[in-house]
Amino acid sequence: MSPEPITPNALRDWPLPEPGAGKYGRGQVLVIGGAARTPGAAMLSALAALRVGAGRLTLAVAASVAAEVSVAVPESGVQPLDEDDAGHIAVGALTAAEDDAGSADAVLVGPGLDEPDGARDLVGRIAATVGPETKVVLDAFALGVAADVADQLEPLRGRLVMTPNSGEAERLLGRACGDDDAADARAIAERFGAVVALSDVIAAPDGRVWAKGTGAGGLGTSGSGDVLSGVVVGLLARGAEPEQAAAWASYVHAAAGDRLAVQVGPLGYLASELLTEIPRVLVELGG
């Protein structure tokens, strides 16, 4: 099956759900990540979720940086998570965020995690902690450990999105990536029952594949992937299905980068600058 191109017209023919009237109607997002040394990654994801219209936001981050994060992102509630002596999210930390996870419409796990044991515990417990309809996104360090707890992720089949880079894809595949991103994305999607956004392609568990034709090298910068995963979780919270959220997010993220490539230069724009462009791209697409 050849990838279906993601174009502005294709997205307009695949409109996002109408946003609700209030913040709860527009969806509740929980972002879990942000170790003591890397809270910015979780903050970028969280702000991206708001920029695409999610209504209510909670950030669950390491306790030692929770106060600073609450000031830096005043739009968010902040849940402190237990950490070890080195500032990594500790094993068992998810207990503190169980209520938030249970009520969220969409949960993102991964941005700013930096240690395997705590990350593996979070990923392994997330399916049993979220609500039965909650959609889940795994990104960054969470993808590096997901293969270790694949059985525990089984309840999330059909409501899981993964956004791996090539190294994380190899961990998920248990082998080196090949020359065909679509084939690799399909293999991951089938194994985990997830929608997978890998490089320029998006694969669904039923074998459907989409490909975006925009975006340039400037997106290969620190924090850019955190923005992408935040767009995905925000659209999920608004009611988009996993494949729709991934397709729209991939295009919107890339188009925002294209706009900055013109305004700033093909290289050198910041991931945080993508946040301002995202709502403008959405307006142009009717999202």
C-alpha atoms as a PDB file:
ATOM      1  CA  MET A   1       0.000   0.000   0.000  1.00  0.00           C
ATOM      2  CA  SER A   2       1.552   3.304  -1.108  1.00  0.00           C
ATOM      3  CA  PRO A   3       1.576   6.153   1.428  1.00  0.00           C
ATOM      4  CA  GLU A   4      -1.221   8.662   1.043  1.00  0.00           C
ATOM      5  CA  PRO A   5       0.189  12.203   0.830  1.00  0.00           C
ATOM      6  CA  ILE A   6      -0.685  14.615   3.610  1.00  0.00           C
ATOM      7  CA  THR A   7      -1.550  17.901   1.944  1.00  0.00           C
ATOM      8  CA  PRO A   8      -3.511  20.957   3.080  1.00  0.00           C
ATOM      9  CA  ASN A   9      -6.485  19.870   0.981  1.00  0.00           C
ATOM     10  CA  ALA A  10      -6.340  16.338   2.371  1.00  0.00           C
ATOM     11  CA  LEU A  11      -6.435  17.719   5.913  1.00  0.00           C
ATOM     12  CA  ARG A  12      -9.306  20.069   5.096  1.00  0.00           C
ATOM     13  CA  ASP A  13     -11.208  17.026   3.848  1.00  0.00           C
ATOM     14  CA  TRP A  14     -10.384  15.308   7.185  1.00  0.00           C
ATOM     15  CA  PRO A  15     -11.519  18.052   9.582  1.00  0.00           C
ATOM     16  CA  LEU A  16     -10.680  17.967  13.251  1.00  0.00           C
ATOM     17  CA  PRO A  17     -13.550  17.615  15.723  1.00  0.00           C
ATOM     18  CA  GLU A  18     -15.162  20.891  16.720  1.00  0.00           C
ATOM     19  CA  PRO A  19     -13.644  22.109  19.985  1.00  0.00           C
ATOM     20  CA  GLY A  20     -15.839  22.164  23.050  1.00  0.00           C
ATOM     21  CA  ALA A  21     -17.139  25.384  24.520  1.00  0.00           C
ATOM     22  CA  GLY A  22     -15.151  25.289  27.764  1.00  0.00           C
ATOM     23  CA  LYS A  23     -11.783  24.013  28.892  1.00  0.00           C
ATOM     24  CA  TYR A  24     -13.151  20.639  29.926  1.00  0.00           C
ATOM     25  CA  GLY A  25     -15.023  20.345  26.643  1.00  0.00           C
ATOM     26  CA  ARG A  26     -11.777  20.974  24.779  1.00  0.00           C
ATOM     27  CA  GLY A  27     -10.077  18.121  26.593  1.00  0.00           C
ATOM     28  CA  GLN A  28      -7.823  17.468  29.556  1.00  0.00           C
ATOM     29  CA  VAL A  29      -4.122  16.776  28.921  1.00  0.00           C
ATOM     30  CA  LEU A  30      -1.570  15.282  31.291  1.00  0.00           C
ATOM     31  CA  VAL A  31       2.129  15.476  30.377  1.00  0.00           C
ATOM     32  CA  ILE A  32       4.395  13.189  32.423  1.00  0.00           C
ATOM     33  CA  GLY A  33       8.142  13.800  32.230  1.00  0.00           C
ATOM     34  CA  GLY A  34      10.508  16.563  33.194  1.00  0.00           C
ATOM     35  CA  ALA A  35      13.335  15.173  35.298  1.00  0.00           C
ATOM     36  CA  ALA A  36      15.287  17.702  37.352  1.00  0.00           C
ATOM     37  CA  ARG A  37      17.805  18.389  34.572  1.00  0.00           C
ATOM     38  CA  THR A  38      15.311  18.444  31.680  1.00  0.00           C
ATOM     39  CA  PRO A  39      11.991  20.053  32.677  1.00  0.00           C
ATOM     40  CA  GLY A  40      12.007  22.171  29.528  1.00  0.00           C
ATOM     41  CA  ALA A  41      11.135  19.205  27.329  1.00  0.00           C
ATOM     42  CA  ALA A  42       7.890  18.574  29.210  1.00  0.00           C
ATOM     43  CA  MET A  43       7.110  22.298  29.190  1.00  0.00           C
ATOM     44  CA  LEU A  44       7.490  22.499  25.398  1.00  0.00           C
ATOM     45  CA  SER A  45       5.141  19.552  24.941  1.00  0.00           C
ATOM     46  CA  ALA A  46       2.623  21.018  27.361  1.00  0.00           C
ATOM     47  CA  LEU A  47       2.556  24.418  25.685  1.00  0.00           C
ATOM     48  CA  ALA A  48       2.209  22.806  22.261  1.00  0.00           C
ATOM     49  CA  ALA A  49      -0.881  20.970  23.512  1.00  0.00           C
ATOM     50  CA  LEU A  50      -2.434  24.277  24.529  1.00  0.00           C
ATOM     51  CA  ARG A  51      -1.451  25.890  21.230  1.00  0.00           C
ATOM     52  CA  VAL A  52      -3.605  23.402  19.312  1.00  0.00           C
ATOM     53  CA  GLY A  53      -6.603  24.037  21.516  1.00  0.00           C
ATOM     54  CA  ALA A  54      -6.503  21.580  24.410  1.00  0.00           C
ATOM     55  CA  GLY A  55      -8.488  22.979  27.299  1.00  0.00           C
ATOM     56  CA  ARG A  56      -6.993  21.894  30.620  1.00  0.00           C
ATOM     57  CA  LEU A  57      -3.353  21.046  31.248  1.00  0.00           C
ATOM     58  CA  THR A  58      -1.466  19.293  34.034  1.00  0.00           C
ATOM     59  CA  LEU A  59       2.293  18.782  34.102  1.00  0.00           C
ATOM     60  CA  ALA A  60       3.725  15.980  36.253  1.00  0.00           C
ATOM     61  CA  VAL A  61       7.422  16.689  36.787  1.00  0.00           C
ATOM     62  CA  ALA A  62      10.213  16.061  39.262  1.00  0.00           C
ATOM     63  CA  ALA A  63       9.403  17.519  42.669  1.00  0.00           C
ATOM     64  CA  SER A  64      12.610  19.579  42.819  1.00  0.00           C
ATOM     65  CA  VAL A  65      11.588  21.633  39.766  1.00  0.00           C
ATOM     66  CA  ALA A  66       7.802  21.628  40.201  1.00  0.00           C
ATOM     67  CA  ALA A  67       7.621  25.113  41.730  1.00  0.00           C
ATOM     68  CA  GLU A  68       9.737  26.616  38.964  1.00  0.00           C
ATOM     69  CA  VAL A  69       7.656  24.875  36.296  1.00  0.00           C
ATOM     70  CA  SER A  70       4.432  26.161  37.834  1.00  0.00           C
ATOM     71  CA  VAL A  71       5.753  29.712  37.523  1.00  0.00           C
ATOM     72  CA  ALA A  72       7.128  29.220  34.013  1.00  0.00           C
ATOM     73  CA  VAL A  73       3.872  27.672  32.774  1.00  0.00           C
ATOM     74  CA  PRO A  74       1.155  29.469  34.753  1.00  0.00           C
ATOM     75  CA  GLU A  75      -1.500  28.003  32.450  1.00  0.00           C
ATOM     76  CA  SER A  76      -0.823  24.531  33.884  1.00  0.00           C
ATOM     77  CA  GLY A  77      -1.505  22.665  37.073  1.00  0.00           C
ATOM     78  CA  VAL A  78       1.673  20.971  38.310  1.00  0.00           C
ATOM     79  CA  GLN A  79       1.942  17.614  40.071  1.00  0.00           C
ATOM     80  CA  PRO A  80       5.305  16.930  41.769  1.00  0.00           C
ATOM     81  CA  LEU A  81       6.736  13.465  41.205  1.00  0.00           C
ATOM     82  CA  ASP A  82       9.117  11.599  43.489  1.00  0.00           C
ATOM     83  CA  GLU A  83      12.702  11.558  42.280  1.00  0.00           C
ATOM     84  CA  ASP A  84      15.919   9.864  43.275  1.00  0.00           C
ATOM     85  CA  ASP A  85      19.022  11.582  44.643  1.00  0.00           C
ATOM     86  CA  ALA A  86      20.206  12.369  41.108  1.00  0.00           C
ATOM     87  CA  GLY A  87      16.955  14.077  40.104  1.00  0.00           C
ATOM     88  CA  HIS A  88      15.630  11.255  37.919  1.00  0.00           C
ATOM     89  CA  ILE A  89      11.926  10.383  38.153  1.00  0.00           C
ATOM     90  CA  ALA A  90      11.765   7.558  40.678  1.00  0.00           C
ATOM     91  CA  VAL A  91      10.230   4.116  40.415  1.00  0.00           C
ATOM     92  CA  GLY A  92       6.698   4.380  41.811  1.00  0.00           C
ATOM     93  CA  ALA A  93       6.377   8.095  41.041  1.00  0.00           C
ATOM     94  CA  LEU A  94       3.226   7.601  38.959  1.00  0.00           C
ATOM     95  CA  THR A  95       1.217   7.049  42.138  1.00  0.00           C
ATOM     96  CA  ALA A  96       1.170  10.803  42.743  1.00  0.00           C
ATOM     97  CA  ALA A  97      -0.421  11.443  39.341  1.00  0.00           C
ATOM     98  CA  GLU A  98      -2.977   8.617  39.356  1.00  0.00           C
ATOM     99  CA  ASP A  99      -5.986  10.904  39.769  1.00  0.00           C
ATOM    100  CA  ASP A 100      -4.823  13.198  36.956  1.00  0.00           C
ATOM    101  CA  ALA A 101      -4.143  10.233  34.667  1.00  0.00           C
ATOM    102  CA  GLY A 102      -7.505   8.699  35.420  1.00  0.00           C
ATOM    103  CA  SER A 103      -9.432  11.836  34.472  1.00  0.00           C
ATOM    104  CA  ALA A 104      -7.344  12.961  31.487  1.00  0.00           C
ATOM    105  CA  ASP A 105      -8.615  12.648  27.919  1.00  0.00           C
ATOM    106  CA  ALA A 106      -5.060  12.265  26.629  1.00  0.00           C
ATOM    107  CA  VAL A 107      -1.744  11.549  28.356  1.00  0.00           C
ATOM    108  CA  LEU A 108       1.789  12.064  27.063  1.00  0.00           C
ATOM    109  CA  VAL A 109       4.630  10.138  28.706  1.00  0.00           C
ATOM    110  CA  GLY A 110       8.275  10.734  27.955  1.00  0.00           C
ATOM    111  CA  PRO A 111       9.495  14.289  27.351  1.00  0.00           C
ATOM    112  CA  GLY A 112      12.310  15.079  29.748  1.00  0.00           C
ATOM    113  CA  LEU A 113      12.678  11.589  31.204  1.00  0.00           C
ATOM    114  CA  ASP A 114      16.336  10.621  31.423  1.00  0.00           C
ATOM    115  CA  GLU A 115      16.750   7.318  33.269  1.00  0.00           C
ATOM    116  CA  PRO A 116      15.559   3.845  32.286  1.00  0.00           C
ATOM    117  CA  ASP A 117      14.276   2.383  35.553  1.00  0.00           C
ATOM    118  CA  GLY A 118      11.881   5.184  36.397  1.00  0.00           C
ATOM    119  CA  ALA A 119      10.824   5.543  32.766  1.00  0.00           C
ATOM    120  CA  ARG A 120      10.173   1.807  32.452  1.00  0.00           C
ATOM    121  CA  ASP A 121       8.020   1.889  35.579  1.00  0.00           C
ATOM    122  CA  LEU A 122       5.978   4.829  34.252  1.00  0.00           C
ATOM    123  CA  VAL A 123       5.408   3.219  30.855  1.00  0.00           C
ATOM    124  CA  GLY A 124       4.662  -0.166  32.332  1.00  0.00           C
ATOM    125  CA  ARG A 125       2.012   1.233  34.689  1.00  0.00           C
ATOM    126  CA  ILE A 126       0.358   3.804  32.441  1.00  0.00           C
ATOM    127  CA  ALA A 127      -2.184   1.468  30.801  1.00  0.00           C
ATOM    128  CA  ALA A 128      -3.510   0.373  34.181  1.00  0.00           C
ATOM    129  CA  THR A 129      -3.675   3.962  35.458  1.00  0.00           C
ATOM    130  CA  VAL A 130      -5.449   5.900  32.706  1.00  0.00           C
ATOM    131  CA  GLY A 131      -9.174   5.764  32.042  1.00  0.00           C
ATOM    132  CA  PRO A 132     -10.625   3.147  29.681  1.00  0.00           C
ATOM    133  CA  GLU A 133     -11.071   5.694  26.860  1.00  0.00           C
ATOM    134  CA  THR A 134      -7.946   7.753  27.495  1.00  0.00           C
ATOM    135  CA  LYS A 135      -5.539   8.043  24.568  1.00  0.00           C
ATOM    136  CA  VAL A 136      -1.819   7.804  25.280  1.00  0.00           C
ATOM    137  CA  VAL A 137       1.248   9.173  23.484  1.00  0.00           C
ATOM    138  CA  LEU A 138       4.727   7.796  24.113  1.00  0.00           C
ATOM    139  CA  ASP A 139       7.720   9.892  23.133  1.00  0.00           C
ATOM    140  CA  ALA A 140      11.417  10.287  23.793  1.00  0.00           C
ATOM    141  CA  PHE A 141      12.818   8.156  26.637  1.00  0.00           C
ATOM    142  CA  ALA A 142       9.490   6.364  27.081  1.00  0.00           C
ATOM    143  CA  LEU A 143       9.975   4.849  23.629  1.00  0.00           C
ATOM    144  CA  GLY A 144      13.415   3.599  24.558  1.00  0.00           C
ATOM    145  CA  VAL A 145      11.915   1.357  27.243  1.00  0.00           C
ATOM    146  CA  ALA A 146       8.508   0.523  25.722  1.00  0.00           C
ATOM    147  CA  ALA A 147       9.701  -2.737  24.171  1.00  0.00           C
ATOM    148  CA  ASP A 148      10.683  -3.942  27.648  1.00  0.00           C
ATOM    149  CA  VAL A 149       7.066  -3.646  28.862  1.00  0.00           C
ATOM    150  CA  ALA A 150       5.201  -4.415  25.630  1.00  0.00           C
ATOM    151  CA  ASP A 151       2.831  -6.837  27.355  1.00  0.00           C
ATOM    152  CA  GLN A 152       1.760  -4.165  29.831  1.00  0.00           C
ATOM    153  CA  LEU A 153       0.933  -1.802  26.953  1.00  0.00           C
ATOM    154  CA  GLU A 154      -1.487  -4.269  25.339  1.00  0.00           C
ATOM    155  CA  PRO A 155      -4.619  -2.635  26.842  1.00  0.00           C
ATOM    156  CA  LEU A 156      -3.734   0.542  24.918  1.00  0.00           C
ATOM    157  CA  ARG A 157      -3.990  -1.046  21.475  1.00  0.00           C
ATOM    158  CA  GLY A 158      -6.053   1.232  19.261  1.00  0.00           C
ATOM    159  CA  ARG A 159      -5.563   4.313  21.441  1.00  0.00           C
ATOM    160  CA  LEU A 160      -1.768   4.601  21.480  1.00  0.00           C
ATOM    161  CA  VAL A 161       0.486   6.913  19.451  1.00  0.00           C
ATOM    162  CA  MET A 162       4.263   6.595  19.226  1.00  0.00           C
ATOM    163  CA  THR A 163       6.575   9.281  17.822  1.00  0.00           C
ATOM    164  CA  PRO A 164      10.020   7.625  17.587  1.00  0.00           C
ATOM    165  CA  ASN A 165      13.207   8.917  16.046  1.00  0.00           C
ATOM    166  CA  SER A 166      15.357   6.375  14.223  1.00  0.00           C
ATOM    167  CA  GLY A 167      17.208   5.241  17.347  1.00  0.00           C
ATOM    168  CA  GLU A 168      13.993   4.765  19.306  1.00  0.00           C
ATOM    169  CA  ALA A 169      12.469   2.948  16.335  1.00  0.00           C
ATOM    170  CA  GLU A 170      15.322   0.449  16.432  1.00  0.00           C
ATOM    171  CA  ARG A 171      14.598  -0.221  20.096  1.00  0.00           C
ATOM    172  CA  LEU A 172      10.934  -0.776  19.302  1.00  0.00           C
ATOM    173  CA  LEU A 173      11.745  -3.039  16.351  1.00  0.00           C
ATOM    174  CA  GLY A 174      14.507  -4.968  18.083  1.00  0.00           C
ATOM    175  CA  ARG A 175      16.652  -4.536  14.976  1.00  0.00           C
ATOM    176  CA  ALA A 176      18.277  -1.878  12.822  1.00  0.00           C
ATOM    177  CA  CYS A 177      15.973   0.290  10.743  1.00  0.00           C
ATOM    178  CA  GLY A 178      15.902  -0.466   7.039  1.00  0.00           C
ATOM    179  CA  ASP A 179      15.803   1.861   4.062  1.00  0.00           C
ATOM    180  CA  ASP A 180      11.995   1.971   4.007  1.00  0.00           C
ATOM    181  CA  ASP A 181      10.575   4.161   6.792  1.00  0.00           C
ATOM    182  CA  ALA A 182       7.038   3.143   5.872  1.00  0.00           C
ATOM    183  CA  ALA A 183       7.819  -0.546   6.324  1.00  0.00           C
ATOM    184  CA  ASP A 184       9.490   0.070   9.669  1.00  0.00           C
ATOM    185  CA  ALA A 185       6.628   2.265  10.879  1.00  0.00           C
ATOM    186  CA  ARG A 186       4.109  -0.394   9.824  1.00  0.00           C
ATOM    187  CA  ALA A 187       6.043  -3.058  11.726  1.00  0.00           C
ATOM    188  CA  ILE A 188       6.031  -0.999  14.928  1.00  0.00           C
ATOM    189  CA  ALA A 189       2.359  -0.124  14.466  1.00  0.00           C
ATOM    190  CA  GLU A 190       1.400  -3.779  14.096  1.00  0.00           C
ATOM    191  CA  ARG A 191       3.466  -4.899  17.067  1.00  0.00           C
ATOM    192  CA  PHE A 192       2.051  -2.328  19.500  1.00  0.00           C
ATOM    193  CA  GLY A 193      -1.364  -1.618  17.998  1.00  0.00           C
ATOM    194  CA  ALA A 194      -0.259   1.996  17.764  1.00  0.00           C
ATOM    195  CA  VAL A 195      -0.255   4.822  15.275  1.00  0.00           C
ATOM    196  CA  VAL A 196       3.417   5.513  14.580  1.00  0.00           C
ATOM    197  CA  ALA A 197       4.928   8.770  13.328  1.00  0.00           C
ATOM    198  CA  LEU A 198       8.447   7.982  12.105  1.00  0.00           C
ATOM    199  CA  SER A 199      10.397  10.490  10.047  1.00  0.00           C
ATOM    200  CA  ASP A 200       8.072  11.628   7.239  1.00  0.00           C
ATOM    201  CA  VAL A 201       5.547   8.790   7.518  1.00  0.00           C
ATOM    202  CA  ILE A 202       2.616   7.864   9.736  1.00  0.00           C
ATOM    203  CA  ALA A 203       1.469   4.251   9.945  1.00  0.00           C
ATOM    204  CA  ALA A 204      -1.712   2.842  11.465  1.00  0.00           C
ATOM    205  CA  PRO A 205      -2.073  -0.695  12.849  1.00  0.00           C
ATOM    206  CA  ASP A 206      -4.388  -1.656   9.964  1.00  0.00           C
ATOM    207  CA  GLY A 207      -1.618  -1.030   7.419  1.00  0.00           C
ATOM    208  CA  ARG A 208      -2.628   2.429   6.215  1.00  0.00           C
ATOM    209  CA  VAL A 209       0.286   4.830   5.719  1.00  0.00           C
ATOM    210  CA  TRP A 210       0.494   8.564   5.160  1.00  0.00           C
ATOM    211  CA  ALA A 211       3.484  10.699   4.168  1.00  0.00           C
ATOM    212  CA  LYS A 212       4.047  14.406   4.654  1.00  0.00           C
ATOM    213  CA  GLY A 213       5.855  16.361   1.980  1.00  0.00           C
ATOM    214  CA  THR A 214       6.864  19.444   3.933  1.00  0.00           C
ATOM    215  CA  GLY A 215       9.381  20.267   6.636  1.00  0.00           C
ATOM    216  CA  ALA A 216      13.108  20.914   6.338  1.00  0.00           C
ATOM    217  CA  GLY A 217      16.351  20.353   8.209  1.00  0.00           C
ATOM    218  CA  GLY A 218      15.728  23.165  10.650  1.00  0.00           C
ATOM    219  CA  LEU A 219      13.312  20.917  12.534  1.00  0.00           C
ATOM    220  CA  GLY A 220      16.260  18.759  13.557  1.00  0.00           C
ATOM    221  CA  THR A 221      16.882  20.838  16.657  1.00  0.00           C
ATOM    222  CA  SER A 222      16.666  20.312  20.402  1.00  0.00           C
ATOM    223  CA  GLY A 223      13.072  20.272  21.631  1.00  0.00           C
ATOM    224  CA  SER A 224      11.440  19.973  18.205  1.00  0.00           C
ATOM    225  CA  GLY A 225      10.234  16.425  18.876  1.00  0.00           C
ATOM    226  CA  ASP A 226       8.774  17.521  22.195  1.00  0.00           C
ATOM    227  CA  VAL A 227       6.687  20.112  20.356  1.00  0.00           C
ATOM    228  CA  LEU A 228       5.481  17.444  17.903  1.00  0.00           C
ATOM    229  CA  SER A 229       4.366  15.061  20.647  1.00  0.00           C
ATOM    230  CA  GLY A 230       2.627  17.931  22.415  1.00  0.00           C
ATOM    231  CA  VAL A 231       0.659  18.766  19.269  1.00  0.00           C
ATOM    232  CA  VAL A 232      -0.373  15.122  18.999  1.00  0.00           C
ATOM    233  CA  VAL A 233      -1.607  14.870  22.594  1.00  0.00           C
ATOM    234  CA  GLY A 234      -3.428  18.195  22.347  1.00  0.00           C
ATOM    235  CA  LEU A 235      -5.326  17.093  19.240  1.00  0.00           C
ATOM    236  CA  LEU A 236      -6.167  13.772  20.877  1.00  0.00           C
ATOM    237  CA  ALA A 237      -7.584  15.626  23.866  1.00  0.00           C
ATOM    238  CA  ARG A 238      -9.783  17.638  21.503  1.00  0.00           C
ATOM    239  CA  GLY A 239     -11.272  14.376  20.249  1.00  0.00           C
ATOM    240  CA  ALA A 240      -9.190  13.475  17.193  1.00  0.00           C
ATOM    241  CA  GLU A 241      -8.604   9.790  16.526  1.00  0.00           C
ATOM    242  CA  PRO A 242      -4.974   8.623  16.786  1.00  0.00           C
ATOM    243  CA  GLU A 243      -4.239   8.478  13.048  1.00  0.00           C
ATOM    244  CA  GLN A 244      -5.880  11.872  12.464  1.00  0.00           C
ATOM    245  CA  ALA A 245      -4.015  13.485  15.348  1.00  0.00           C
ATOM    246  CA  ALA A 246      -0.687  12.114  14.120  1.00  0.00           C
ATOM    247  CA  ALA A 247      -1.272  13.177  10.509  1.00  0.00           C
ATOM    248  CA  TRP A 248      -2.419  16.676  11.417  1.00  0.00           C
ATOM    249  CA  ALA A 249       0.367  17.101  13.981  1.00  0.00           C
ATOM    250  CA  SER A 250       3.094  15.989  11.600  1.00  0.00           C
ATOM    251  CA  TYR A 251       1.960  18.423   8.928  1.00  0.00           C
ATOM    252  CA  VAL A 252       1.319  21.354  11.286  1.00  0.00           C
ATOM    253  CA  HIS A 253       4.714  20.872  12.983  1.00  0.00           C
ATOM    254  CA  ALA A 254       6.500  20.754   9.636  1.00  0.00           C
ATOM    255  CA  ALA A 255       4.601  23.709   8.185  1.00  0.00           C
ATOM    256  CA  ALA A 256       5.420  25.785  11.268  1.00  0.00           C
ATOM    257  CA  GLY A 257       9.067  24.959  10.636  1.00  0.00           C
ATOM    258  CA  ASP A 258       8.725  26.020   7.004  1.00  0.00           C
ATOM    259  CA  ARG A 259       7.355  29.389   8.097  1.00  0.00           C
ATOM    260  CA  LEU A 260      10.263  29.926  10.467  1.00  0.00           C
ATOM    261  CA  ALA A 261      12.749  28.873   7.790  1.00  0.00           C
ATOM    262  CA  VAL A 262      11.572  31.895   5.812  1.00  0.00           C
ATOM    263  CA  GLN A 263      11.392  34.296   8.756  1.00  0.00           C
ATOM    264  CA  VAL A 264      14.595  33.273  10.563  1.00  0.00           C
ATOM    265  CA  GLY A 265      16.586  31.072   8.218  1.00  0.00           C
ATOM    266  CA  PRO A 266      16.636  27.419   7.198  1.00  0.00           C
ATOM    267  CA  LEU A 267      18.687  26.623  10.315  1.00  0.00           C
ATOM    268  CA  GLY A 268      18.858  28.289  13.682  1.00  0.00           C
ATOM    269  CA  TYR A 269      15.243  28.792  14.685  1.00  0.00           C
ATOM    270  CA  LEU A 270      14.275  27.408  18.090  1.00  0.00           C
ATOM    271  CA  ALA A 271      11.767  24.751  19.009  1.00  0.00           C
ATOM    272  CA  SER A 272      10.043  27.251  21.293  1.00  0.00           C
ATOM    273  CA  GLU A 273       9.482  29.507  18.273  1.00  0.00           C
ATOM    274  CA  LEU A 274       7.403  26.763  16.659  1.00  0.00           C
ATOM    275  CA  LEU A 275       4.790  27.303  19.364  1.00  0.00           C
ATOM    276  CA  THR A 276       3.804  30.724  18.068  1.00  0.00           C
ATOM    277  CA  GLU A 277       3.444  29.509  14.482  1.00  0.00           C
ATOM    278  CA  ILE A 278       1.313  26.465  15.258  1.00  0.00           C
ATOM    279  CA  PRO A 279      -2.026  28.267  15.808  1.00  0.00           C
ATOM    280  CA  ARG A 280      -1.470  30.266  12.624  1.00  0.00           C
ATOM    281  CA  VAL A 281      -0.956  27.112  10.580  1.00  0.00           C
ATOM    282  CA  LEU A 282      -4.064  25.585  12.136  1.00  0.00           C
ATOM    283  CA  VAL A 283      -6.134  28.616  11.145  1.00  0.00           C
ATOM    284  CA  GLU A 284      -4.924  28.331   7.558  1.00  0.00           C
ATOM    285  CA  LEU A 285      -5.977  24.674   7.495  1.00  0.00           C
ATOM    286  CA  GLY A 286      -9.341  25.332   9.114  1.00  0.00           C
ATOM    287  CA  GLY A 287      -8.354  23.456  12.290  1.00  0.00           C
END
